[in-house]
Amino acid sequence: MRRADKEITCRAEIGSVIRGCRICRVAFAVDGEPYIVPLSFGYDGKAFYFHTALEGRKIDCIEANPRVCFELDRDVRLTGDKSDPCSWTFTYESVIGYGTINELVEPEARIFGLNRIMEQYTRREWEFRPRMLEGTRIWRLEIESVTGKRSGQESSD
């Protein structure tokens, strides 16, 4: 990272930023063509969890190249002085990383993944009946590397 003074080096702080985010953007690359998509997600400290329909462009991308880049951000605010155009900037916390996506096929793993997603937004576990799982595919993005950045604000921990 170019600006070491903005880097979040503590993995627990990076986890805190992730838990405070609402959307994870996942970037795919297939045959030199980029494709980025905002997703609801779950997180367990080592991986992200997503759900998809049974078919679609995301699945085509995963099958062609399961290696992805991801980005999350929170607390984004524009600041500046109305009389000084060079004073404008953003404050934010962000996380960027790389990993590989694999489908979860075992019922217990699928339920675990869905509960991580629901826990991200509701802070609780849910019961999923088999019929609820029929129309969805569940994916795990194993985090291989991750960096965090904080600009213009103090630590939130």
N, C-alpha and C. Protein backbone atom coordinates (compact mmCIF):
# COMPACT_ATOMS: atom_id res chain seq x y z
N MET A 1 0.86 -1.17 0.00
CA MET A 1 0.00 0.00 0.00
C MET A 1 0.90 1.23 0.00
N ARG A 2 0.60 2.16 -0.85
CA ARG A 2 1.41 3.36 -1.01
C ARG A 2 1.42 4.22 0.25
N ARG A 3 0.29 4.39 0.90
CA ARG A 3 0.18 5.26 2.08
C ARG A 3 0.08 4.40 3.34
N ALA A 4 1.23 4.05 3.90
CA ALA A 4 1.28 3.20 5.09
C ALA A 4 0.54 3.83 6.27
N ASP A 5 0.47 5.16 6.31
CA ASP A 5 -0.23 5.84 7.40
C ASP A 5 -1.73 5.60 7.37
N LYS A 6 -2.26 5.14 6.26
CA LYS A 6 -3.69 4.87 6.14
C LYS A 6 -4.02 3.38 6.23
N GLU A 7 -3.02 2.54 6.23
CA GLU A 7 -3.23 1.10 6.22
C GLU A 7 -3.75 0.59 7.57
N ILE A 8 -4.73 -0.29 7.49
CA ILE A 8 -5.22 -1.01 8.67
C ILE A 8 -4.47 -2.33 8.67
N THR A 9 -3.60 -2.53 9.64
CA THR A 9 -2.77 -3.74 9.66
C THR A 9 -3.32 -4.83 10.56
N CYS A 10 -4.13 -4.47 11.52
CA CYS A 10 -4.68 -5.44 12.47
C CYS A 10 -5.83 -6.21 11.83
N ARG A 11 -5.69 -7.54 11.77
CA ARG A 11 -6.73 -8.37 11.14
C ARG A 11 -8.08 -8.23 11.86
N ALA A 12 -8.06 -8.04 13.17
CA ALA A 12 -9.31 -7.85 13.92
C ALA A 12 -10.00 -6.56 13.50
N GLU A 13 -9.22 -5.49 13.26
CA GLU A 13 -9.81 -4.24 12.78
C GLU A 13 -10.40 -4.40 11.38
N ILE A 14 -9.69 -5.13 10.53
CA ILE A 14 -10.21 -5.40 9.18
C ILE A 14 -11.53 -6.15 9.30
N GLY A 15 -11.58 -7.14 10.20
CA GLY A 15 -12.83 -7.87 10.43
C GLY A 15 -13.94 -6.97 10.91
N SER A 16 -13.61 -6.01 11.75
CA SER A 16 -14.61 -5.06 12.25
C SER A 16 -15.16 -4.20 11.11
N VAL A 17 -14.28 -3.78 10.22
CA VAL A 17 -14.74 -3.01 9.05
C VAL A 17 -15.68 -3.87 8.22
N ILE A 18 -15.28 -5.11 7.94
CA ILE A 18 -16.12 -6.01 7.14
C ILE A 18 -17.48 -6.20 7.78
N ARG A 19 -17.51 -6.44 9.08
CA ARG A 19 -18.79 -6.67 9.77
C ARG A 19 -19.68 -5.43 9.74
N GLY A 20 -19.10 -4.25 9.55
CA GLY A 20 -19.88 -3.03 9.49
C GLY A 20 -20.34 -2.66 8.09
N CYS A 21 -19.98 -3.46 7.10
CA CYS A 21 -20.36 -3.17 5.71
C CYS A 21 -21.69 -3.83 5.36
N ARG A 22 -22.35 -3.28 4.37
CA ARG A 22 -23.64 -3.81 3.92
C ARG A 22 -23.54 -4.57 2.60
N ILE A 23 -22.54 -4.24 1.79
CA ILE A 23 -22.41 -4.82 0.45
C ILE A 23 -20.95 -5.21 0.23
N CYS A 24 -20.75 -6.33 -0.43
CA CYS A 24 -19.42 -6.76 -0.87
C CYS A 24 -19.45 -6.77 -2.39
N ARG A 25 -18.51 -6.09 -3.01
CA ARG A 25 -18.40 -6.10 -4.47
C ARG A 25 -17.38 -7.16 -4.85
N VAL A 26 -17.77 -8.04 -5.74
CA VAL A 26 -16.88 -9.11 -6.20
C VAL A 26 -16.60 -8.88 -7.67
N ALA A 27 -15.31 -8.90 -8.01
CA ALA A 27 -14.87 -8.67 -9.39
C ALA A 27 -14.39 -9.98 -9.99
N PHE A 28 -14.96 -10.31 -11.12
CA PHE A 28 -14.60 -11.50 -11.88
C PHE A 28 -13.82 -11.08 -13.12
N ALA A 29 -13.01 -11.98 -13.65
CA ALA A 29 -12.31 -11.73 -14.92
C ALA A 29 -12.35 -13.01 -15.73
N VAL A 30 -12.96 -12.92 -16.90
CA VAL A 30 -13.05 -14.07 -17.78
C VAL A 30 -12.68 -13.62 -19.19
N ASP A 31 -11.67 -14.27 -19.75
CA ASP A 31 -11.19 -13.96 -21.10
C ASP A 31 -10.90 -12.47 -21.27
N GLY A 32 -10.28 -11.86 -20.26
CA GLY A 32 -9.92 -10.46 -20.35
C GLY A 32 -11.07 -9.49 -20.15
N GLU A 33 -12.25 -9.99 -19.86
CA GLU A 33 -13.44 -9.16 -19.67
C GLU A 33 -13.76 -9.06 -18.18
N PRO A 34 -13.69 -7.85 -17.59
CA PRO A 34 -14.03 -7.71 -16.17
C PRO A 34 -15.54 -7.65 -15.96
N TYR A 35 -15.96 -8.10 -14.79
CA TYR A 35 -17.37 -8.05 -14.41
C TYR A 35 -17.41 -7.91 -12.89
N ILE A 36 -18.03 -6.85 -12.40
CA ILE A 36 -18.11 -6.62 -10.96
C ILE A 36 -19.57 -6.58 -10.54
N VAL A 37 -19.83 -7.16 -9.37
CA VAL A 37 -21.22 -7.26 -8.92
C VAL A 37 -21.30 -7.00 -7.42
N PRO A 38 -22.27 -6.17 -6.99
CA PRO A 38 -22.47 -5.97 -5.54
C PRO A 38 -23.34 -7.10 -4.99
N LEU A 39 -22.92 -7.65 -3.85
CA LEU A 39 -23.63 -8.80 -3.28
C LEU A 39 -23.89 -8.62 -1.80
N SER A 40 -25.01 -9.17 -1.33
CA SER A 40 -25.17 -9.36 0.10
C SER A 40 -24.23 -10.51 0.47
N PHE A 41 -23.77 -10.53 1.71
CA PHE A 41 -22.73 -11.48 2.06
C PHE A 41 -22.78 -11.86 3.53
N GLY A 42 -22.09 -12.93 3.83
CA GLY A 42 -21.81 -13.33 5.20
C GLY A 42 -20.31 -13.45 5.36
N TYR A 43 -19.85 -13.46 6.61
CA TYR A 43 -18.41 -13.48 6.87
C TYR A 43 -18.16 -14.26 8.15
N ASP A 44 -17.13 -15.11 8.14
CA ASP A 44 -16.81 -15.89 9.35
C ASP A 44 -15.38 -15.67 9.84
N GLY A 45 -14.71 -14.65 9.33
CA GLY A 45 -13.34 -14.37 9.72
C GLY A 45 -12.31 -14.94 8.77
N LYS A 46 -12.69 -15.93 7.98
CA LYS A 46 -11.78 -16.56 7.02
C LYS A 46 -12.32 -16.52 5.60
N ALA A 47 -13.64 -16.38 5.47
CA ALA A 47 -14.27 -16.48 4.15
C ALA A 47 -15.54 -15.65 4.12
N PHE A 48 -15.97 -15.35 2.89
CA PHE A 48 -17.26 -14.72 2.64
C PHE A 48 -18.21 -15.79 2.10
N TYR A 49 -19.49 -15.57 2.30
CA TYR A 49 -20.53 -16.47 1.81
C TYR A 49 -21.53 -15.66 1.01
N PHE A 50 -21.96 -16.21 -0.13
CA PHE A 50 -22.92 -15.57 -1.01
C PHE A 50 -23.95 -16.60 -1.46
N HIS A 51 -25.08 -16.11 -1.92
CA HIS A 51 -26.04 -17.01 -2.55
C HIS A 51 -26.38 -16.46 -3.92
N THR A 52 -26.75 -17.34 -4.81
CA THR A 52 -27.13 -16.96 -6.16
C THR A 52 -28.35 -17.76 -6.57
N ALA A 53 -28.88 -17.38 -7.71
CA ALA A 53 -29.91 -18.20 -8.35
C ALA A 53 -29.22 -19.48 -8.85
N LEU A 54 -29.97 -20.34 -9.46
CA LEU A 54 -29.41 -21.61 -9.94
C LEU A 54 -28.53 -21.43 -11.17
N GLU A 55 -28.73 -20.35 -11.92
CA GLU A 55 -27.92 -20.08 -13.11
C GLU A 55 -27.82 -18.58 -13.30
N GLY A 56 -26.86 -18.17 -14.11
CA GLY A 56 -26.70 -16.75 -14.39
C GLY A 56 -25.25 -16.40 -14.68
N ARG A 57 -25.02 -15.13 -14.95
CA ARG A 57 -23.69 -14.67 -15.35
C ARG A 57 -22.64 -14.89 -14.26
N LYS A 58 -22.98 -14.64 -12.99
CA LYS A 58 -22.00 -14.87 -11.92
C LYS A 58 -21.52 -16.32 -11.92
N ILE A 59 -22.45 -17.23 -12.08
CA ILE A 59 -22.09 -18.65 -12.08
C ILE A 59 -21.22 -18.98 -13.29
N ASP A 60 -21.55 -18.42 -14.44
CA ASP A 60 -20.71 -18.61 -15.63
C ASP A 60 -19.29 -18.12 -15.36
N CYS A 61 -19.18 -16.97 -14.70
CA CYS A 61 -17.85 -16.41 -14.39
C CYS A 61 -17.09 -17.31 -13.41
N ILE A 62 -17.78 -17.77 -12.38
CA ILE A 62 -17.13 -18.64 -11.38
C ILE A 62 -16.63 -19.92 -12.04
N GLU A 63 -17.44 -20.51 -12.90
CA GLU A 63 -17.04 -21.74 -13.57
C GLU A 63 -15.85 -21.53 -14.50
N ALA A 64 -15.76 -20.35 -15.11
CA ALA A 64 -14.65 -20.06 -16.02
C ALA A 64 -13.38 -19.68 -15.27
N ASN A 65 -13.53 -18.99 -14.12
CA ASN A 65 -12.37 -18.53 -13.36
C ASN A 65 -12.82 -18.23 -11.93
N PRO A 66 -12.63 -19.14 -10.99
CA PRO A 66 -13.11 -18.94 -9.63
C PRO A 66 -12.26 -17.97 -8.80
N ARG A 67 -11.15 -17.50 -9.35
CA ARG A 67 -10.30 -16.53 -8.63
C ARG A 67 -10.89 -15.13 -8.82
N VAL A 68 -11.08 -14.41 -7.70
CA VAL A 68 -11.75 -13.12 -7.74
C VAL A 68 -11.02 -12.09 -6.87
N CYS A 69 -11.42 -10.85 -7.05
CA CYS A 69 -11.02 -9.75 -6.19
C CYS A 69 -12.31 -9.25 -5.52
N PHE A 70 -12.21 -8.78 -4.28
CA PHE A 70 -13.39 -8.25 -3.59
C PHE A 70 -13.08 -6.92 -2.96
N GLU A 71 -14.12 -6.11 -2.74
CA GLU A 71 -14.00 -4.79 -2.12
C GLU A 71 -15.22 -4.51 -1.29
N LEU A 72 -14.98 -3.92 -0.11
CA LEU A 72 -16.06 -3.46 0.77
C LEU A 72 -15.67 -2.09 1.29
N ASP A 73 -16.66 -1.24 1.55
CA ASP A 73 -16.35 0.06 2.15
C ASP A 73 -17.49 0.49 3.04
N ARG A 74 -17.15 1.38 3.99
CA ARG A 74 -18.17 1.90 4.90
C ARG A 74 -17.78 3.31 5.33
N ASP A 75 -18.76 4.00 5.90
CA ASP A 75 -18.57 5.34 6.44
C ASP A 75 -17.95 6.29 5.42
N VAL A 76 -18.41 6.22 4.20
CA VAL A 76 -17.90 7.09 3.14
C VAL A 76 -18.58 8.45 3.25
N ARG A 77 -17.76 9.48 3.39
CA ARG A 77 -18.29 10.86 3.49
C ARG A 77 -17.41 11.80 2.68
N LEU A 78 -18.03 12.71 1.98
CA LEU A 78 -17.34 13.75 1.23
C LEU A 78 -17.15 14.95 2.16
N THR A 79 -15.93 15.48 2.21
CA THR A 79 -15.65 16.66 3.03
C THR A 79 -14.90 17.68 2.19
N GLY A 80 -14.99 18.94 2.58
CA GLY A 80 -14.24 19.97 1.87
C GLY A 80 -14.63 21.36 2.29
N ASP A 81 -13.90 22.31 1.80
CA ASP A 81 -14.11 23.73 2.05
C ASP A 81 -14.69 24.33 0.78
N LYS A 82 -15.86 24.92 0.86
CA LYS A 82 -16.54 25.44 -0.33
C LYS A 82 -15.74 26.53 -1.04
N SER A 83 -14.76 27.11 -0.36
CA SER A 83 -13.96 28.15 -1.00
C SER A 83 -12.63 27.63 -1.53
N ASP A 84 -12.32 26.35 -1.31
CA ASP A 84 -11.04 25.79 -1.74
C ASP A 84 -11.28 24.48 -2.49
N PRO A 85 -11.19 24.47 -3.82
CA PRO A 85 -11.46 23.25 -4.58
C PRO A 85 -10.46 22.14 -4.32
N CYS A 86 -9.28 22.47 -3.80
CA CYS A 86 -8.25 21.45 -3.55
C CYS A 86 -8.40 20.79 -2.18
N SER A 87 -9.38 21.22 -1.39
CA SER A 87 -9.55 20.66 -0.05
C SER A 87 -10.54 19.49 -0.01
N TRP A 88 -11.19 19.21 -1.12
CA TRP A 88 -12.22 18.17 -1.14
C TRP A 88 -11.59 16.78 -1.13
N THR A 89 -12.19 15.90 -0.33
CA THR A 89 -11.70 14.53 -0.22
C THR A 89 -12.81 13.65 0.36
N PHE A 90 -12.55 12.38 0.45
CA PHE A 90 -13.46 11.44 1.08
C PHE A 90 -12.83 10.89 2.34
N THR A 91 -13.64 10.63 3.34
CA THR A 91 -13.23 9.83 4.48
C THR A 91 -13.94 8.49 4.32
N TYR A 92 -13.26 7.41 4.71
CA TYR A 92 -13.84 6.08 4.53
C TYR A 92 -12.98 5.04 5.22
N GLU A 93 -13.52 3.84 5.30
CA GLU A 93 -12.78 2.63 5.63
C GLU A 93 -13.08 1.63 4.53
N SER A 94 -12.05 0.95 4.06
CA SER A 94 -12.27 -0.01 2.98
C SER A 94 -11.40 -1.24 3.16
N VAL A 95 -11.82 -2.30 2.50
CA VAL A 95 -11.11 -3.58 2.51
C VAL A 95 -11.08 -4.08 1.07
N ILE A 96 -9.90 -4.52 0.64
CA ILE A 96 -9.74 -5.11 -0.68
C ILE A 96 -8.94 -6.40 -0.51
N GLY A 97 -9.32 -7.41 -1.26
CA GLY A 97 -8.59 -8.66 -1.16
C GLY A 97 -8.83 -9.56 -2.35
N TYR A 98 -8.21 -10.74 -2.26
CA TYR A 98 -8.30 -11.75 -3.32
C TYR A 98 -8.66 -13.09 -2.71
N GLY A 99 -9.30 -13.91 -3.52
CA GLY A 99 -9.63 -15.25 -3.05
C GLY A 99 -10.19 -16.09 -4.17
N THR A 100 -10.64 -17.27 -3.76
CA THR A 100 -11.20 -18.24 -4.70
C THR A 100 -12.57 -18.67 -4.22
N ILE A 101 -13.51 -18.73 -5.15
CA ILE A 101 -14.89 -19.11 -4.83
C ILE A 101 -15.12 -20.58 -5.16
N ASN A 102 -15.78 -21.27 -4.21
CA ASN A 102 -16.21 -22.66 -4.41
C ASN A 102 -17.65 -22.80 -3.97
N GLU A 103 -18.37 -23.67 -4.64
CA GLU A 103 -19.77 -23.91 -4.27
C GLU A 103 -19.84 -24.84 -3.06
N LEU A 104 -20.77 -24.54 -2.17
CA LEU A 104 -21.06 -25.41 -1.04
C LEU A 104 -22.19 -26.34 -1.46
N VAL A 105 -21.97 -27.64 -1.37
CA VAL A 105 -22.97 -28.59 -1.84
C VAL A 105 -23.58 -29.44 -0.72
N GLU A 106 -22.84 -29.66 0.35
CA GLU A 106 -23.37 -30.44 1.47
C GLU A 106 -24.40 -29.61 2.22
N PRO A 107 -25.54 -30.21 2.59
CA PRO A 107 -26.60 -29.45 3.26
C PRO A 107 -26.14 -28.67 4.49
N GLU A 108 -25.30 -29.28 5.31
CA GLU A 108 -24.84 -28.59 6.52
C GLU A 108 -23.99 -27.37 6.17
N ALA A 109 -23.14 -27.49 5.17
CA ALA A 109 -22.30 -26.37 4.74
C ALA A 109 -23.15 -25.27 4.13
N ARG A 110 -24.16 -25.64 3.36
CA ARG A 110 -25.05 -24.64 2.75
C ARG A 110 -25.79 -23.86 3.83
N ILE A 111 -26.30 -24.56 4.83
CA ILE A 111 -27.01 -23.89 5.93
C ILE A 111 -26.05 -23.00 6.71
N PHE A 112 -24.83 -23.47 6.94
CA PHE A 112 -23.82 -22.65 7.61
C PHE A 112 -23.61 -21.35 6.83
N GLY A 113 -23.43 -21.46 5.51
CA GLY A 113 -23.22 -20.28 4.67
C GLY A 113 -24.40 -19.33 4.70
N LEU A 114 -25.61 -19.86 4.58
CA LEU A 114 -26.80 -19.00 4.64
C LEU A 114 -26.92 -18.31 5.99
N ASN A 115 -26.57 -19.00 7.06
CA ASN A 115 -26.63 -18.38 8.38
C ASN A 115 -25.58 -17.29 8.54
N ARG A 116 -24.43 -17.42 7.89
CA ARG A 116 -23.44 -16.34 7.96
C ARG A 116 -23.99 -15.10 7.24
N ILE A 117 -24.68 -15.31 6.12
CA ILE A 117 -25.29 -14.19 5.40
C ILE A 117 -26.36 -13.52 6.27
N MET A 118 -27.25 -14.32 6.83
CA MET A 118 -28.32 -13.76 7.66
C MET A 118 -27.77 -13.09 8.92
N GLU A 119 -26.72 -13.67 9.49
CA GLU A 119 -26.11 -13.11 10.69
C GLU A 119 -25.51 -11.72 10.41
N GLN A 120 -24.98 -11.53 9.20
CA GLN A 120 -24.40 -10.22 8.83
C GLN A 120 -25.44 -9.11 8.96
N TYR A 121 -26.70 -9.42 8.65
CA TYR A 121 -27.74 -8.39 8.61
C TYR A 121 -28.70 -8.44 9.79
N THR A 122 -28.86 -9.61 10.40
CA THR A 122 -29.85 -9.73 11.48
C THR A 122 -29.24 -10.06 12.83
N ARG A 123 -27.95 -10.42 12.83
CA ARG A 123 -27.21 -10.76 14.05
C ARG A 123 -27.78 -11.98 14.78
N ARG A 124 -28.37 -12.91 14.01
CA ARG A 124 -28.87 -14.14 14.63
C ARG A 124 -28.84 -15.30 13.64
N GLU A 125 -28.99 -16.51 14.17
CA GLU A 125 -29.07 -17.73 13.36
C GLU A 125 -30.53 -18.00 12.99
N TRP A 126 -30.73 -18.70 11.89
CA TRP A 126 -32.06 -19.04 11.41
C TRP A 126 -32.15 -20.53 11.14
N GLU A 127 -33.37 -21.01 11.09
CA GLU A 127 -33.59 -22.40 10.71
C GLU A 127 -34.02 -22.43 9.25
N PHE A 128 -33.34 -23.26 8.45
CA PHE A 128 -33.65 -23.39 7.03
C PHE A 128 -34.16 -24.79 6.77
N ARG A 129 -35.37 -24.88 6.25
CA ARG A 129 -35.93 -26.17 5.87
C ARG A 129 -35.42 -26.55 4.47
N PRO A 130 -35.34 -27.83 4.17
CA PRO A 130 -34.79 -28.27 2.88
C PRO A 130 -35.43 -27.56 1.68
N ARG A 131 -36.72 -27.33 1.71
CA ARG A 131 -37.39 -26.69 0.57
C ARG A 131 -36.85 -25.28 0.32
N MET A 132 -36.42 -24.60 1.38
CA MET A 132 -35.87 -23.24 1.25
C MET A 132 -34.56 -23.24 0.45
N LEU A 133 -33.87 -24.35 0.43
CA LEU A 133 -32.57 -24.43 -0.23
C LEU A 133 -32.66 -24.81 -1.71
N GLU A 134 -33.84 -25.23 -2.15
CA GLU A 134 -33.98 -25.77 -3.51
C GLU A 134 -33.68 -24.77 -4.61
N GLY A 135 -34.02 -23.51 -4.44
CA GLY A 135 -33.89 -22.54 -5.52
C GLY A 135 -32.66 -21.66 -5.43
N THR A 136 -31.67 -22.07 -4.65
CA THR A 136 -30.50 -21.22 -4.48
C THR A 136 -29.22 -22.04 -4.44
N ARG A 137 -28.14 -21.41 -4.87
CA ARG A 137 -26.81 -22.00 -4.74
C ARG A 137 -26.03 -21.15 -3.74
N ILE A 138 -25.21 -21.81 -2.94
CA ILE A 138 -24.46 -21.14 -1.89
C ILE A 138 -22.97 -21.26 -2.21
N TRP A 139 -22.25 -20.17 -2.03
CA TRP A 139 -20.84 -20.09 -2.41
C TRP A 139 -20.00 -19.60 -1.24
N ARG A 140 -18.76 -20.10 -1.19
CA ARG A 140 -17.79 -19.67 -0.19
C ARG A 140 -16.60 -19.06 -0.92
N LEU A 141 -16.24 -17.84 -0.54
CA LEU A 141 -15.07 -17.17 -1.09
C LEU A 141 -13.98 -17.23 -0.03
N GLU A 142 -13.02 -18.11 -0.23
CA GLU A 142 -11.89 -18.27 0.70
C GLU A 142 -10.95 -17.08 0.53
N ILE A 143 -10.73 -16.34 1.61
CA ILE A 143 -9.86 -15.16 1.55
C ILE A 143 -8.40 -15.61 1.54
N GLU A 144 -7.68 -15.22 0.49
CA GLU A 144 -6.27 -15.55 0.38
C GLU A 144 -5.39 -14.39 0.83
N SER A 145 -5.80 -13.17 0.54
CA SER A 145 -5.09 -11.98 1.01
C SER A 145 -6.09 -10.84 1.16
N VAL A 146 -5.77 -9.94 2.09
CA VAL A 146 -6.69 -8.83 2.37
C VAL A 146 -5.90 -7.65 2.92
N THR A 147 -6.29 -6.45 2.53
CA THR A 147 -5.73 -5.23 3.08
C THR A 147 -6.86 -4.30 3.49
N GLY A 148 -6.59 -3.46 4.47
CA GLY A 148 -7.57 -2.48 4.92
C GLY A 148 -6.99 -1.09 4.84
N LYS A 149 -7.86 -0.11 4.66
CA LYS A 149 -7.42 1.28 4.56
C LYS A 149 -8.43 2.17 5.26
N ARG A 150 -7.91 3.15 5.95
CA ARG A 150 -8.75 4.13 6.65
C ARG A 150 -8.25 5.51 6.25
N SER A 151 -9.14 6.34 5.77
CA SER A 151 -8.75 7.68 5.35
C SER A 151 -9.58 8.72 6.06
N GLY A 152 -8.90 9.61 6.78
CA GLY A 152 -9.57 10.76 7.37
C GLY A 152 -10.41 10.50 8.59
N GLN A 153 -10.19 9.40 9.28
CA GLN A 153 -10.96 9.12 10.49
C GLN A 153 -10.13 8.25 11.44
N GLU A 154 -10.50 8.33 12.69
CA GLU A 154 -9.81 7.53 13.70
C GLU A 154 -10.34 6.11 13.70
N SER A 155 -9.65 5.23 14.37
CA SER A 155 -10.06 3.84 14.50
C SER A 155 -11.46 3.77 15.12
N SER A 156 -12.29 2.87 14.60
CA SER A 156 -13.65 2.71 15.12
C SER A 156 -13.71 1.64 16.19
N ASP A 157 -12.59 1.01 16.51
CA ASP A 157 -12.56 -0.04 17.53
C ASP A 157 -12.20 0.51 18.88
